[in-house]
Structure formats: structure tokens, C-alpha cells
N, C-alpha and C. Protein backbone atom coordinates (compact mmCIF):
# COMPACT_ATOMS: atom_id res chain seq x y z
N MET A 1 9.62 -46.41 59.98
CA MET A 1 9.01 -47.72 60.21
C MET A 1 7.66 -47.81 59.49
N GLU A 2 6.98 -46.69 59.43
CA GLU A 2 5.67 -46.70 58.79
C GLU A 2 5.76 -47.08 57.31
N THR A 3 6.75 -46.56 56.61
CA THR A 3 6.89 -46.91 55.20
C THR A 3 7.24 -48.38 55.03
N ILE A 4 8.03 -48.90 55.93
CA ILE A 4 8.39 -50.32 55.87
C ILE A 4 7.17 -51.17 56.16
N ASP A 5 6.40 -50.81 57.21
CA ASP A 5 5.19 -51.57 57.55
C ASP A 5 4.18 -51.57 56.41
N GLN A 6 4.04 -50.44 55.74
CA GLN A 6 3.06 -50.31 54.66
C GLN A 6 3.60 -50.82 53.33
N GLU A 7 4.92 -51.04 53.28
CA GLU A 7 5.59 -51.47 52.06
C GLU A 7 5.33 -50.53 50.89
N ARG A 8 5.38 -49.23 51.20
CA ARG A 8 5.23 -48.22 50.16
C ARG A 8 5.82 -46.91 50.67
N ALA A 9 6.24 -46.10 49.74
CA ALA A 9 6.82 -44.81 50.09
C ALA A 9 5.73 -43.76 50.24
N PHE A 10 6.02 -42.72 50.99
CA PHE A 10 5.13 -41.57 51.06
C PHE A 10 5.31 -40.76 49.79
N LEU A 11 4.21 -40.20 49.30
CA LEU A 11 4.23 -39.44 48.07
C LEU A 11 3.92 -37.97 48.31
N ARG A 12 4.28 -37.15 47.36
CA ARG A 12 4.01 -35.71 47.45
C ARG A 12 2.54 -35.47 47.79
N GLY A 13 2.32 -34.58 48.75
CA GLY A 13 0.97 -34.22 49.14
C GLY A 13 0.40 -35.01 50.29
N GLU A 14 1.08 -36.07 50.71
CA GLU A 14 0.58 -36.87 51.82
C GLU A 14 0.93 -36.24 53.16
N LEU A 15 0.14 -36.61 54.16
CA LEU A 15 0.38 -36.20 55.53
C LEU A 15 0.84 -37.39 56.35
N ILE A 16 1.76 -37.15 57.25
CA ILE A 16 2.14 -38.13 58.26
C ILE A 16 1.72 -37.50 59.58
N GLY A 17 0.68 -38.02 60.16
CA GLY A 17 0.14 -37.45 61.40
C GLY A 17 -1.13 -36.68 61.11
N PRO A 18 -1.52 -35.83 62.01
CA PRO A 18 -0.90 -35.44 63.27
C PRO A 18 -0.93 -36.54 64.32
N ARG A 19 0.10 -36.51 65.15
CA ARG A 19 0.23 -37.51 66.21
C ARG A 19 0.83 -36.93 67.48
N GLY A 20 0.52 -35.70 67.77
CA GLY A 20 1.13 -35.07 68.93
C GLY A 20 2.38 -34.33 68.52
N ARG A 21 3.01 -33.69 69.47
CA ARG A 21 4.18 -32.86 69.19
C ARG A 21 5.32 -33.66 68.57
N VAL A 22 5.81 -33.16 67.45
CA VAL A 22 6.94 -33.79 66.77
C VAL A 22 8.24 -33.44 67.47
N PHE A 23 8.35 -32.16 67.88
CA PHE A 23 9.53 -31.66 68.58
C PHE A 23 9.07 -30.97 69.86
N GLU A 24 9.70 -31.27 70.94
CA GLU A 24 9.34 -30.68 72.22
C GLU A 24 9.44 -29.15 72.15
N GLY A 25 8.38 -28.49 72.63
CA GLY A 25 8.37 -27.03 72.68
C GLY A 25 7.99 -26.34 71.38
N LEU A 26 7.70 -27.11 70.33
CA LEU A 26 7.31 -26.52 69.04
C LEU A 26 5.92 -27.00 68.67
N PRO A 27 5.19 -26.22 67.85
CA PRO A 27 3.79 -26.53 67.57
C PRO A 27 3.55 -27.62 66.52
N PHE A 28 4.59 -28.17 65.95
CA PHE A 28 4.42 -29.11 64.85
C PHE A 28 3.95 -30.48 65.33
N THR A 29 2.90 -30.98 64.66
CA THR A 29 2.30 -32.25 65.05
C THR A 29 2.24 -33.26 63.91
N ALA A 30 2.69 -32.84 62.73
CA ALA A 30 2.62 -33.70 61.55
C ALA A 30 3.75 -33.33 60.60
N PHE A 31 3.88 -34.15 59.57
CA PHE A 31 4.80 -33.84 58.49
C PHE A 31 4.01 -33.81 57.19
N TYR A 32 4.36 -32.85 56.35
CA TYR A 32 3.79 -32.75 55.01
C TYR A 32 4.86 -33.21 54.03
N VAL A 33 4.51 -34.11 53.14
CA VAL A 33 5.46 -34.67 52.18
C VAL A 33 5.40 -33.86 50.89
N THR A 34 6.56 -33.33 50.50
CA THR A 34 6.62 -32.55 49.26
C THR A 34 7.98 -32.71 48.60
N LEU A 35 8.15 -32.02 47.50
CA LEU A 35 9.42 -32.05 46.78
C LEU A 35 10.46 -31.23 47.52
N PRO A 36 11.71 -31.61 47.42
CA PRO A 36 12.78 -30.84 48.08
C PRO A 36 13.08 -29.56 47.29
N VAL A 37 12.19 -28.59 47.40
CA VAL A 37 12.24 -27.40 46.54
C VAL A 37 13.45 -26.51 46.77
N TYR A 38 14.10 -26.62 47.91
CA TYR A 38 15.27 -25.79 48.14
C TYR A 38 16.53 -26.42 47.55
N GLN A 39 16.38 -27.56 46.92
CA GLN A 39 17.49 -28.23 46.25
C GLN A 39 17.32 -28.08 44.74
N THR A 40 18.36 -28.38 43.99
CA THR A 40 18.25 -28.34 42.54
C THR A 40 17.34 -29.46 42.06
N ASP A 41 16.76 -29.29 40.87
CA ASP A 41 15.82 -30.28 40.34
C ASP A 41 16.43 -31.67 40.23
N ASP A 42 17.72 -31.76 39.94
CA ASP A 42 18.34 -33.08 39.79
C ASP A 42 18.47 -33.82 41.13
N PHE A 43 18.22 -33.13 42.22
CA PHE A 43 18.23 -33.77 43.54
C PHE A 43 16.93 -34.53 43.80
N GLN A 44 15.88 -34.22 43.08
CA GLN A 44 14.57 -34.80 43.35
C GLN A 44 14.46 -36.27 42.97
N GLU A 45 15.24 -36.71 42.00
CA GLU A 45 15.16 -38.10 41.55
C GLU A 45 16.54 -38.61 41.18
N PHE A 46 16.77 -39.86 41.53
CA PHE A 46 18.05 -40.50 41.24
C PHE A 46 17.75 -41.84 40.57
N MET A 47 18.47 -42.14 39.52
CA MET A 47 18.32 -43.44 38.85
C MET A 47 19.47 -44.33 39.30
N ASP A 48 19.13 -45.50 39.85
CA ASP A 48 20.19 -46.40 40.26
C ASP A 48 20.73 -47.17 39.05
N GLU A 49 21.72 -48.01 39.26
CA GLU A 49 22.36 -48.73 38.16
C GLU A 49 21.41 -49.66 37.43
N ALA A 50 20.37 -50.12 38.11
CA ALA A 50 19.40 -51.02 37.49
C ALA A 50 18.29 -50.25 36.76
N GLY A 51 18.35 -48.91 36.82
CA GLY A 51 17.33 -48.11 36.13
C GLY A 51 16.10 -47.81 36.97
N HIS A 52 16.18 -48.09 38.26
CA HIS A 52 15.05 -47.78 39.15
C HIS A 52 15.14 -46.33 39.62
N ALA A 53 14.01 -45.65 39.59
CA ALA A 53 13.98 -44.27 40.05
C ALA A 53 13.85 -44.24 41.57
N ILE A 54 14.70 -43.46 42.19
CA ILE A 54 14.63 -43.22 43.63
C ILE A 54 14.25 -41.76 43.79
N VAL A 55 13.08 -41.52 44.37
CA VAL A 55 12.57 -40.17 44.51
C VAL A 55 12.82 -39.68 45.93
N PHE A 56 13.40 -38.50 46.04
CA PHE A 56 13.65 -37.89 47.34
C PHE A 56 12.50 -36.94 47.65
N VAL A 57 12.01 -37.00 48.88
CA VAL A 57 10.96 -36.09 49.31
C VAL A 57 11.44 -35.31 50.52
N TRP A 58 10.74 -34.25 50.81
CA TRP A 58 11.04 -33.40 51.95
C TRP A 58 9.89 -33.53 52.93
N LEU A 59 10.19 -33.85 54.16
CA LEU A 59 9.18 -33.94 55.21
C LEU A 59 9.17 -32.60 55.95
N VAL A 60 8.16 -31.81 55.66
CA VAL A 60 8.04 -30.47 56.25
C VAL A 60 7.21 -30.56 57.51
N PRO A 61 7.75 -30.15 58.65
CA PRO A 61 6.95 -30.15 59.88
C PRO A 61 5.83 -29.11 59.77
N ILE A 62 4.61 -29.52 60.10
CA ILE A 62 3.47 -28.61 60.06
C ILE A 62 2.64 -28.75 61.33
N ASP A 63 1.80 -27.75 61.58
CA ASP A 63 0.96 -27.78 62.77
C ASP A 63 -0.43 -28.34 62.46
N ASP A 64 -1.27 -28.43 63.47
CA ASP A 64 -2.62 -28.98 63.30
C ASP A 64 -3.45 -28.22 62.27
N ARG A 65 -3.37 -26.89 62.29
CA ARG A 65 -4.16 -26.08 61.35
C ARG A 65 -3.72 -26.31 59.91
N GLU A 66 -2.43 -26.42 59.70
CA GLU A 66 -1.92 -26.68 58.36
C GLU A 66 -2.32 -28.08 57.89
N ALA A 67 -2.25 -29.06 58.78
CA ALA A 67 -2.66 -30.42 58.43
C ALA A 67 -4.14 -30.47 58.07
N GLU A 68 -4.96 -29.76 58.83
CA GLU A 68 -6.40 -29.71 58.54
C GLU A 68 -6.64 -29.04 57.19
N TYR A 69 -5.88 -28.02 56.88
CA TYR A 69 -6.02 -27.34 55.58
C TYR A 69 -5.72 -28.32 54.44
N VAL A 70 -4.66 -29.10 54.59
CA VAL A 70 -4.32 -30.10 53.56
C VAL A 70 -5.47 -31.09 53.41
N ARG A 71 -6.02 -31.56 54.53
CA ARG A 71 -7.12 -32.53 54.49
C ARG A 71 -8.37 -31.96 53.82
N THR A 72 -8.71 -30.73 54.13
CA THR A 72 -9.97 -30.17 53.63
C THR A 72 -9.86 -29.54 52.25
N HIS A 73 -8.69 -28.97 51.92
CA HIS A 73 -8.56 -28.27 50.64
C HIS A 73 -7.67 -28.99 49.64
N GLY A 74 -6.92 -29.99 50.10
CA GLY A 74 -6.04 -30.74 49.20
C GLY A 74 -4.64 -30.18 49.16
N TRP A 75 -3.72 -31.02 48.73
CA TRP A 75 -2.30 -30.65 48.77
C TRP A 75 -1.95 -29.56 47.76
N LYS A 76 -2.62 -29.53 46.61
CA LYS A 76 -2.30 -28.50 45.63
C LYS A 76 -2.64 -27.12 46.15
N LYS A 77 -3.80 -27.00 46.80
CA LYS A 77 -4.20 -25.70 47.38
C LYS A 77 -3.23 -25.31 48.50
N PHE A 78 -2.78 -26.30 49.28
CA PHE A 78 -1.83 -26.02 50.35
C PHE A 78 -0.51 -25.50 49.77
N GLU A 79 -0.04 -26.14 48.72
CA GLU A 79 1.21 -25.68 48.11
C GLU A 79 1.04 -24.31 47.47
N ASP A 80 -0.15 -24.04 46.91
CA ASP A 80 -0.42 -22.69 46.39
C ASP A 80 -0.35 -21.67 47.53
N LEU A 81 -0.92 -22.03 48.67
CA LEU A 81 -0.89 -21.15 49.83
C LEU A 81 0.55 -20.92 50.30
N LEU A 82 1.35 -21.97 50.31
CA LEU A 82 2.75 -21.83 50.71
C LEU A 82 3.51 -20.90 49.75
N GLU A 83 3.23 -21.04 48.46
CA GLU A 83 3.87 -20.15 47.49
C GLU A 83 3.44 -18.70 47.71
N GLU A 84 2.16 -18.51 47.98
CA GLU A 84 1.63 -17.16 48.19
C GLU A 84 2.20 -16.51 49.45
N ARG A 85 2.22 -17.25 50.54
CA ARG A 85 2.64 -16.68 51.83
C ARG A 85 4.14 -16.81 52.08
N ASP A 86 4.78 -17.71 51.37
CA ASP A 86 6.23 -17.91 51.42
C ASP A 86 6.80 -18.00 52.84
N PRO A 87 6.28 -18.94 53.66
CA PRO A 87 6.85 -19.09 55.00
C PRO A 87 8.24 -19.72 54.91
N HIS A 88 9.05 -19.47 55.87
CA HIS A 88 10.39 -20.05 55.91
C HIS A 88 10.27 -21.46 56.50
N LEU A 89 10.06 -22.44 55.66
CA LEU A 89 9.76 -23.80 56.10
C LEU A 89 10.91 -24.47 56.83
N THR A 90 12.10 -23.96 56.69
CA THR A 90 13.24 -24.54 57.42
C THR A 90 13.42 -23.88 58.79
N ASP A 91 12.64 -22.86 59.07
CA ASP A 91 12.69 -22.16 60.35
C ASP A 91 11.67 -22.77 61.30
N PHE A 92 12.14 -23.48 62.29
CA PHE A 92 11.22 -24.17 63.20
C PHE A 92 10.49 -23.22 64.14
N SER A 93 10.84 -21.95 64.14
CA SER A 93 10.10 -20.98 64.95
C SER A 93 9.12 -20.18 64.08
N ARG A 94 8.90 -20.64 62.85
CA ARG A 94 8.01 -19.92 61.94
C ARG A 94 6.57 -19.98 62.43
N PRO A 95 5.78 -18.95 62.12
CA PRO A 95 4.35 -19.01 62.43
C PRO A 95 3.64 -19.94 61.44
N SER A 96 2.45 -20.36 61.79
CA SER A 96 1.66 -21.20 60.92
C SER A 96 1.37 -20.47 59.61
N ALA A 97 1.30 -21.20 58.51
CA ALA A 97 0.94 -20.60 57.23
C ALA A 97 -0.55 -20.35 57.11
N ILE A 98 -1.31 -20.86 58.05
CA ILE A 98 -2.77 -20.69 58.03
C ILE A 98 -3.17 -19.49 58.88
């Protein structure tokens, strides 16, 4: 609903939240918008019949500390940190990357 209300898509590096627990019993309070890196490169963008690019993003659940890191250090530093520490981002029981 937020993208519809704002009439714009979320882009790589943006945060959605924090706004309280995303999933009951888990520490995630926000989503980090990034490329769907676990998919092939051709999954990241699709051209429709009219020639419009449709970009697919991955909403990664993150905790308050990770969201604060993105805010204070920027999305590129956060992605560098993710590459360095290599957390299992699809594992909802993963520890914080911070």
C-alpha cells in the first residue's frame, strides 16, 4: 500500500520501517530493499511488451541495529558488511549482521 500511496517503487538501498515486529517472535522490525542476489541476473529486470523495465527487488527482513547501520553508514556500506559477514538472509532465525 505504501508504494501505491507514494506512487513510486522502493529502490535498492531503501528502508521500509522500522515499525515494530514484522513477524511475531522474531527480531525483525524493518525491510531492506536490495537486488534478488540469490536469483540469476536475468531475474532482476523484465522488459514488458511496451519496452518498460520492471525491476524486481528483494525485501530482506532486518532488525533495529541493521536498520540504524543503513541509516548512519549508507546502503553501500551495509551491503559490503553483508558480503563480508555473509549472513544467511533467508534464515529467519539468523543473528543480526551487526
